[in-house]
Amino acid sequence: MAFFLVCMSSLLLILFSSYVYQALLQGGTRRRLPPGPVPLPVIGNLLHVASRLLHRSLSLLAERYGPLMTVRLGTALVIVASSPAAAREVLRTHNAAITGRNAPDAWNGMDHAANSVFILPPHRRWRALRRIAAEHLLSPRRLDGLRPAMRAAVLNMRCRVVSESESTTSPVEFRRVVFNAMADFM
């Protein structure tokens, strides 16, 4: 019984301290964020959006808090733009902050992130790599050279679908067939 009381009091202490941390210490950052429902400790606003249809829950919250609102989903802070005008404004003014991508640790191992079009921020090096990729990898001449391989992969996929449909009475798992065709093409 004493162990149970210690566990419950520890849980309450953790919940209370996280609530105080959110309310007092992050109060300065909260003032700069758009309005939104008050988050609960640990779970945030998951109870506000915990319905089967997320878009309807967010629509109801947008009616109350406006087209731009702050929602905390667990520990993640999410800014929701629920109208086209608000989304357009956010994407115009804060596009660089939104599109910043973190490189996975595996890409940082041998400095692959420094040469990746997917990870680099859109600056001079990124533009140069994108231009090289467009000229050499995605040029019409290069894509025309791949046309026979793409045609063979599609015909092979068609043959697999026909053979699987004739051999079994169960439905064909098209996802698996398409995956095999893409793997063959690669």
Foldseek 3Di string as FASTA:
>chain_A
DVVVVVVVVVVVVVQVVQLCCVVPVCVVVVVVAAAFDAAGGQQWCCVQQVDPDNLVSVVVRCVVRNQWHWTQGRPDIDIHRNDPVSVVVCCVPPVQVVQADDDPPVCPPVVNLVQDLNHDRPDDNNVVSVVVCCVPPVDPVNVVVLVVLLVVLVVVLVVVLVVVVVVDVDHDPSVVSVVVSVVSSD
